[in-house]
Amino acid sequence: VRLKAISGGGGKGQRILRAPSSYTELESKEAQVEAALNPLPGLMREVLSEVKCLGVGDNKNVVAELNIEQTSHQEIQVVGNGEWCMTLGGRDCSLQMHEQKLLEISVTEEELLTQIAAQPEGSSARNSLGHALQTLRKMEEEASRFGSAVGLDSVSTFECIVSDDEHYFMEMNTRIQVEHRVTELCYSLLFTDPEKPSEFFTVTSLVELMVLLARHGSTLPKPTRLPRCGASVEARINATNDALKPHAGGVIQEWSAPLEGEVRDDQGISSPNPDTGTFMRYHLAGAYDSNIALLLTVGKSRRESYERMAEVLRLTKMKGDQLCTNLYFHYGLIQWP
């Protein structure tokens, strides 16, 4: 099982407790169970010490969950107003390092159906994509049911671990996610007045949706989910050295302007001075998170979104004092899928 601190996050405060069956040198089941439980007190102390040392919380509760090694990490975007609840597809966040997400990819029913239709009948690729579609539909149905059961009245993420044809609920994040724009680029929401169909408006921002839900709540009719782009991908640009270890604290002195088709979410770091047009140097804080920015691209298909991301990463230039990033690593990584 995996021991996980309630107040951890980002992979902090986790340890693996081996299964009794892994102690093959012991003959009896009783001896195997005893050997498996021996490390438990020490591992619990390690979990709590790590969380306390990193200052992420004082909650001393620890959960034990099934540990599955060969997995993909998928999550479903959920929205609701307390009366209705619906989903906006999923995101595959399996490409991670140091328990932190690196590349986040849209997973939608429309994209999977398109890919399935392009594969030969009876092929392994078609069957694999068919299983992925079934899993997505199950997760979306469960996420919608979950949100309805708790009266969800904002934006949340229903996170799952997927292994082959099985999926396991992991947690519900009742807040906006860093990677929420992956979903925004694939779907919009059409709100129509039930009594006056000619009165309608479209929402393309999940943050805007949160404000609308907070302000108008139950008066908002259930919207219609509309596809925007076929697929999207997000790369997290982090301050890391050549060993891909966090290396924040450098100064960004130059950053090329966003390219055509690039969606750059950098909290305004790369925006030039509005009066002079010059780049404003930015000192990366090293105390909390090594993440600098999010780069996103879209395409008619997942492959096209990858190709556009590769071109963005190839042409993006960053220079600075003691500045180390994973920009080049991402360029290599995006070539693989």
Protein backbone atom coordinates (compact mmCIF):
# COMPACT_ATOMS: atom_id res chain seq x y z
CA VAL A 1 0.00 0.00 0.00
CA ARG A 2 0.97 3.66 -0.37
CA LEU A 3 1.06 5.74 2.79
CA LYS A 4 0.09 9.31 1.98
CA ALA A 5 0.00 12.36 4.25
CA ILE A 6 -3.33 14.20 4.15
CA SER A 7 -1.51 17.55 4.09
CA GLY A 8 1.20 16.50 1.66
CA GLY A 9 0.70 17.44 -1.98
CA GLY A 10 3.10 17.41 -4.91
CA GLY A 11 4.28 13.94 -3.94
CA LYS A 12 5.42 15.05 -0.49
CA GLY A 13 4.82 12.77 2.49
CA GLN A 14 4.50 9.45 0.65
CA ARG A 15 6.08 6.05 1.36
CA ILE A 16 5.47 2.53 0.04
CA LEU A 17 4.75 -0.37 2.41
CA ARG A 18 5.67 -3.65 0.71
CA ALA A 19 3.10 -6.44 0.42
CA PRO A 20 3.50 -9.54 2.64
CA SER A 21 3.72 -11.70 -0.49
CA SER A 22 6.97 -9.95 -1.49
CA TYR A 23 8.80 -11.58 1.46
CA THR A 24 9.29 -14.82 -0.43
CA GLU A 25 12.17 -15.94 1.80
CA LEU A 26 9.67 -16.53 4.63
CA GLU A 27 7.56 -19.67 4.38
CA SER A 28 4.51 -18.95 6.55
CA LYS A 29 1.94 -16.27 5.80
CA GLU A 30 2.04 -15.17 9.44
CA ALA A 31 5.78 -14.49 9.20
CA GLN A 32 5.31 -12.62 5.92
CA VAL A 33 2.62 -10.36 7.44
CA GLU A 34 4.78 -9.66 10.49
CA ALA A 35 7.78 -8.79 8.28
CA ALA A 36 5.61 -6.50 6.13
CA LEU A 37 4.28 -4.59 9.15
CA ASN A 38 7.68 -4.13 10.85
CA PRO A 39 8.67 -1.07 8.74
CA LEU A 40 5.27 0.64 9.35
CA PRO A 41 6.16 2.76 12.45
CA GLY A 42 9.39 3.98 10.84
CA LEU A 43 7.67 4.83 7.56
CA MET A 44 4.93 6.72 9.41
CA ARG A 45 7.56 8.80 11.18
CA GLU A 46 9.27 9.51 7.85
CA VAL A 47 5.97 10.64 6.29
CA LEU A 48 5.12 13.01 9.14
CA SER A 49 8.68 14.31 9.48
CA GLU A 50 8.84 15.14 5.76
CA VAL A 51 5.54 17.04 5.86
CA LYS A 52 6.53 18.95 9.02
CA CYS A 53 10.00 19.77 7.68
CA LEU A 54 8.57 21.14 4.43
CA GLY A 55 5.98 23.17 6.31
CA VAL A 56 3.02 22.16 4.13
CA GLY A 57 0.65 21.57 7.06
CA ASP A 58 0.07 20.41 10.61
CA ASN A 59 -2.47 17.71 9.76
CA LYS A 60 -1.04 14.45 11.12
CA ASN A 61 -3.55 12.15 9.42
CA VAL A 62 -2.23 9.59 6.93
CA VAL A 63 -4.24 7.55 4.44
CA ALA A 64 -3.29 4.10 3.15
CA GLU A 65 -4.32 3.34 -0.42
CA LEU A 66 -3.70 0.61 -2.95
CA ASN A 67 -0.33 1.16 -4.61
CA ILE A 68 -0.36 0.51 -8.35
CA GLU A 69 2.93 0.85 -10.22
CA GLN A 70 2.00 0.59 -13.91
CA THR A 71 -0.50 3.42 -14.25
CA SER A 72 -1.62 6.51 -16.05
CA HIS A 73 -2.81 9.53 -14.07
CA GLN A 74 -6.04 10.87 -15.53
CA GLU A 75 -8.42 13.48 -14.26
CA ILE A 76 -11.90 14.68 -15.18
CA GLN A 77 -12.96 18.33 -15.18
CA VAL A 78 -16.23 18.71 -13.27
CA VAL A 79 -18.49 21.78 -12.94
CA GLY A 80 -21.78 22.27 -11.11
CA ASN A 81 -24.10 24.83 -9.53
CA GLY A 82 -25.44 22.72 -6.65
CA GLU A 83 -28.40 21.45 -8.68
CA TRP A 84 -26.87 20.25 -11.95
CA CYS A 85 -23.42 18.76 -12.47
CA MET A 86 -21.54 17.94 -15.68
CA THR A 87 -18.08 17.07 -16.98
CA LEU A 88 -15.77 18.59 -19.62
CA GLY A 89 -13.67 15.62 -20.66
CA GLY A 90 -10.36 14.63 -19.15
CA ARG A 91 -6.64 15.29 -18.99
CA ASP A 92 -3.82 12.74 -19.04
CA CYS A 93 -1.15 13.91 -16.58
CA SER A 94 0.99 10.75 -16.58
CA LEU A 95 4.26 12.36 -17.76
CA GLN A 96 5.71 13.37 -14.41
CA MET A 97 9.06 13.81 -12.69
CA HIS A 98 9.72 14.02 -8.93
CA GLU A 99 5.97 13.40 -8.48
CA GLN A 100 5.31 16.66 -10.37
CA LYS A 101 3.41 16.91 -13.65
CA LEU A 102 5.44 17.87 -16.73
CA LEU A 103 3.14 17.38 -19.71
CA GLU A 104 -0.65 17.45 -19.61
CA ILE A 105 -2.73 16.22 -22.54
CA SER A 106 -6.42 16.55 -23.31
CA VAL A 107 -8.55 13.40 -23.39
CA THR A 108 -11.92 13.91 -25.08
CA GLU A 109 -14.58 11.64 -26.48
CA GLU A 110 -14.49 13.47 -29.82
CA GLU A 111 -10.73 12.97 -30.24
CA LEU A 112 -10.88 9.28 -29.27
CA LEU A 113 -13.77 8.61 -31.67
CA THR A 114 -11.82 10.29 -34.49
CA GLN A 115 -8.73 8.21 -33.72
CA ILE A 116 -10.75 4.98 -33.50
CA ALA A 117 -12.32 5.62 -36.91
CA ALA A 118 -8.85 6.06 -38.44
CA GLN A 119 -7.64 2.62 -37.28
CA PRO A 120 -8.20 -0.67 -39.17
CA GLU A 121 -11.05 -2.84 -37.91
CA GLY A 122 -9.82 -5.40 -35.36
CA SER A 123 -6.36 -3.82 -34.96
CA SER A 124 -4.70 -3.65 -31.54
CA ALA A 125 -4.58 0.16 -31.79
CA ARG A 126 -8.34 0.33 -32.41
CA ASN A 127 -9.02 -2.01 -29.48
CA SER A 128 -6.73 -0.03 -27.19
CA LEU A 129 -8.41 3.24 -28.13
CA GLY A 130 -11.80 1.62 -27.61
CA HIS A 131 -10.82 0.66 -24.06
CA ALA A 132 -9.60 4.23 -23.46
CA LEU A 133 -12.97 5.58 -24.64
CA GLN A 134 -14.89 3.22 -22.35
CA THR A 135 -12.71 4.22 -19.39
CA LEU A 136 -13.19 7.94 -20.13
CA ARG A 137 -16.97 7.54 -20.31
CA LYS A 138 -17.01 5.61 -17.02
CA MET A 139 -14.87 8.23 -15.28
CA GLU A 140 -16.98 11.10 -16.61
CA GLU A 141 -20.19 9.38 -15.48
CA GLU A 142 -18.75 8.69 -12.00
CA ALA A 143 -17.38 12.23 -11.70
CA SER A 144 -20.76 13.73 -12.60
CA ARG A 145 -22.52 11.42 -10.13
CA PHE A 146 -19.98 12.28 -7.44
CA GLY A 147 -20.43 16.03 -7.97
CA SER A 148 -24.22 15.70 -7.90
CA ALA A 149 -24.09 13.68 -4.66
CA VAL A 150 -22.10 16.36 -2.80
CA GLY A 151 -23.95 19.31 -4.35
CA LEU A 152 -20.88 20.66 -6.12
CA ASP A 153 -21.38 24.38 -6.77
CA SER A 154 -18.12 25.38 -8.45
CA VAL A 155 -15.26 23.87 -10.47
CA SER A 156 -13.50 20.65 -9.37
CA THR A 157 -11.27 17.87 -10.63
CA PHE A 158 -12.06 14.16 -10.22
CA GLU A 159 -8.68 12.40 -10.23
CA CYS A 160 -8.12 8.73 -11.05
CA ILE A 161 -5.36 6.18 -11.45
CA VAL A 162 -5.86 4.06 -14.58
CA SER A 163 -4.28 0.64 -15.01
CA ASP A 164 -5.20 -1.35 -18.14
CA ASP A 165 -9.02 -1.54 -18.15
CA GLU A 166 -9.35 -0.67 -14.45
CA HIS A 167 -9.52 2.77 -12.91
CA TYR A 168 -9.41 3.83 -9.27
CA PHE A 169 -10.71 7.04 -7.74
CA MET A 170 -7.84 8.89 -6.07
CA GLU A 171 -9.11 12.28 -4.89
CA MET A 172 -11.38 15.21 -5.65
CA ASN A 173 -9.70 18.62 -5.91
CA THR A 174 -12.40 21.18 -5.12
CA ARG A 175 -10.57 24.08 -6.75
CA ILE A 176 -9.15 25.23 -10.07
CA GLN A 177 -6.18 23.21 -11.35
CA VAL A 178 -2.94 24.56 -12.84
CA GLU A 179 -3.71 22.60 -16.01
CA HIS A 180 -7.33 23.81 -16.34
CA ARG A 181 -6.57 25.59 -19.63
CA VAL A 182 -6.04 22.22 -21.33
CA THR A 183 -9.79 21.74 -20.87
CA GLU A 184 -10.70 25.35 -21.73
CA LEU A 185 -9.08 25.01 -25.13
CA CYS A 186 -11.11 21.89 -25.96
CA TYR A 187 -14.56 22.88 -24.72
CA SER A 188 -16.78 25.91 -24.18
CA LEU A 189 -20.13 26.10 -22.39
CA LEU A 190 -23.30 27.47 -23.98
CA PHE A 191 -25.84 28.88 -21.48
CA THR A 192 -29.33 29.34 -22.94
CA ASP A 193 -32.40 30.85 -21.26
CA PRO A 194 -34.93 27.95 -21.11
CA GLU A 195 -37.81 30.39 -21.60
CA LYS A 196 -36.13 32.46 -24.31
CA PRO A 197 -33.88 30.25 -26.50
CA SER A 198 -32.73 33.34 -28.38
CA GLU A 199 -31.09 34.61 -25.17
CA PHE A 200 -27.73 32.89 -24.64
CA PHE A 201 -24.04 33.42 -23.89
CA THR A 202 -20.89 31.32 -24.20
CA VAL A 203 -18.21 30.81 -21.54
CA THR A 204 -14.67 29.81 -22.57
CA SER A 205 -12.89 30.43 -19.24
CA LEU A 206 -13.20 28.17 -16.21
CA VAL A 207 -12.19 31.03 -13.91
CA GLU A 208 -14.97 33.16 -15.41
CA LEU A 209 -17.32 30.20 -14.87
CA MET A 210 -16.34 30.05 -11.18
CA VAL A 211 -17.26 33.73 -10.80
CA LEU A 212 -20.60 33.18 -12.54
CA LEU A 213 -21.38 30.17 -10.33
CA ALA A 214 -20.46 32.10 -7.19
CA ARG A 215 -22.59 35.08 -8.21
CA HIS A 216 -25.63 33.45 -9.82
CA GLY A 217 -25.52 29.84 -8.53
CA SER A 218 -28.82 27.99 -8.89
CA THR A 219 -30.25 30.54 -11.35
CA LEU A 220 -27.83 29.34 -14.04
CA PRO A 221 -29.41 26.75 -16.35
CA LYS A 222 -27.43 23.62 -17.17
CA PRO A 223 -25.23 24.53 -20.17
CA THR A 224 -24.46 22.61 -23.34
CA ARG A 225 -20.88 21.37 -23.81
CA LEU A 226 -19.47 22.57 -27.14
CA PRO A 227 -16.20 21.31 -28.69
CA ARG A 228 -13.66 24.08 -29.48
CA CYS A 229 -10.38 22.45 -30.57
CA GLY A 230 -9.69 18.80 -31.31
CA ALA A 231 -6.84 18.44 -28.81
CA SER A 232 -4.54 20.46 -26.58
CA VAL A 233 -1.27 19.93 -24.71
CA GLU A 234 0.44 21.86 -21.90
CA ALA A 235 4.14 21.86 -21.00
CA ARG A 236 5.25 23.09 -17.59
CA ILE A 237 8.43 25.13 -17.90
CA ASN A 238 10.36 24.68 -14.64
CA ALA A 239 13.59 26.08 -13.23
CA THR A 240 15.70 22.90 -13.22
CA ASN A 241 19.39 22.19 -13.77
CA ASP A 242 20.92 19.69 -16.22
CA ALA A 243 20.20 16.91 -13.72
CA LEU A 244 16.55 18.05 -13.76
CA LYS A 245 16.69 19.01 -10.10
CA PRO A 246 14.94 22.24 -8.95
CA HIS A 247 17.24 25.22 -9.50
CA ALA A 248 15.15 28.31 -8.84
CA GLY A 249 16.57 31.70 -7.93
CA GLY A 250 18.03 32.77 -11.29
CA VAL A 251 17.12 35.94 -13.17
CA ILE A 252 15.26 35.95 -16.51
CA GLN A 253 16.86 38.69 -18.62
CA GLU A 254 15.37 37.89 -22.02
CA TRP A 255 12.37 35.89 -23.22
CA SER A 256 11.22 35.73 -26.82
CA ALA A 257 7.66 36.89 -27.56
CA PRO A 258 4.86 34.29 -27.79
CA LEU A 259 4.64 32.65 -31.21
CA GLU A 260 1.56 32.35 -33.38
CA GLY A 261 -0.61 29.58 -31.94
CA GLU A 262 1.19 29.61 -28.58
CA VAL A 263 -0.84 30.11 -25.42
CA ARG A 264 1.57 31.33 -22.74
CA ASP A 265 0.44 31.43 -19.12
CA ASP A 266 3.31 33.08 -17.23
CA GLN A 267 1.54 35.49 -14.85
CA GLY A 268 2.84 38.33 -17.00
CA ILE A 269 6.55 37.58 -16.47
CA SER A 270 7.42 37.90 -20.17
CA SER A 271 5.27 41.00 -20.78
CA PRO A 272 7.40 43.99 -21.85
CA ASN A 273 7.24 47.32 -20.04
CA PRO A 274 4.11 49.02 -21.46
CA ASP A 275 5.88 52.42 -21.61
CA THR A 276 9.29 51.52 -22.98
CA GLY A 277 8.65 48.16 -24.66
CA THR A 278 11.74 46.69 -22.96
CA PHE A 279 11.83 43.34 -21.20
CA MET A 280 11.53 43.59 -17.43
CA ARG A 281 14.00 41.31 -15.65
CA TYR A 282 12.40 38.77 -13.36
CA HIS A 283 13.97 37.09 -10.34
CA LEU A 284 12.66 33.56 -9.88
CA ALA A 285 11.65 32.86 -6.29
CA GLY A 286 13.41 29.75 -5.02
CA ALA A 287 11.46 29.19 -1.82
CA TYR A 288 8.31 27.47 -3.03
CA ASP A 289 7.88 26.10 -6.54
CA SER A 290 10.22 25.77 -9.51
CA ASN A 291 7.42 26.30 -12.04
CA ILE A 292 7.98 29.36 -14.26
CA ALA A 293 5.24 29.19 -16.89
CA LEU A 294 2.82 27.01 -18.81
CA LEU A 295 3.02 26.72 -22.60
CA LEU A 296 -0.02 25.40 -24.46
CA THR A 297 -0.85 24.54 -28.06
CA VAL A 298 -3.91 23.11 -29.80
CA GLY A 299 -4.58 21.12 -32.96
CA LYS A 300 -7.25 19.26 -34.86
CA SER A 301 -5.68 16.07 -33.48
CA ARG A 302 -3.37 15.17 -30.61
CA ARG A 303 -0.50 14.67 -33.05
CA GLU A 304 -0.99 18.16 -34.50
CA SER A 305 -1.00 19.70 -31.01
CA TYR A 306 2.30 17.86 -30.31
CA GLU A 307 3.84 19.11 -33.54
CA ARG A 308 2.88 22.69 -32.77
CA MET A 309 4.26 22.37 -29.24
CA ALA A 310 7.54 21.03 -30.62
CA GLU A 311 7.84 24.08 -32.88
CA VAL A 312 7.06 26.45 -29.99
CA LEU A 313 9.71 24.79 -27.81
CA ARG A 314 12.23 24.85 -30.68
CA LEU A 315 11.85 28.59 -31.27
CA THR A 316 11.37 29.82 -27.69
CA LYS A 317 14.49 31.57 -26.38
CA MET A 318 15.21 32.30 -22.73
CA LYS A 319 18.38 33.90 -21.35
CA GLY A 320 19.36 35.00 -17.88
CA ASP A 321 21.76 35.10 -14.98
CA GLN A 322 22.19 31.66 -13.36
CA LEU A 323 19.03 30.66 -15.20
CA CYS A 324 18.42 26.93 -15.71
CA THR A 325 15.21 25.56 -17.23
CA ASN A 326 13.80 22.33 -18.63
CA LEU A 327 12.96 23.98 -21.96
CA TYR A 328 15.33 21.78 -24.00
CA PHE A 329 14.33 18.68 -22.06
CA HIS A 330 10.70 19.37 -22.99
CA TYR A 331 11.69 19.64 -26.66
CA GLY A 332 13.15 16.14 -26.48
CA LEU A 333 10.24 14.82 -24.45
CA ILE A 334 7.57 16.05 -26.87
CA GLN A 335 9.28 14.17 -29.74
CA TRP A 336 8.65 10.85 -27.99
CA PRO A 337 4.81 10.77 -28.06
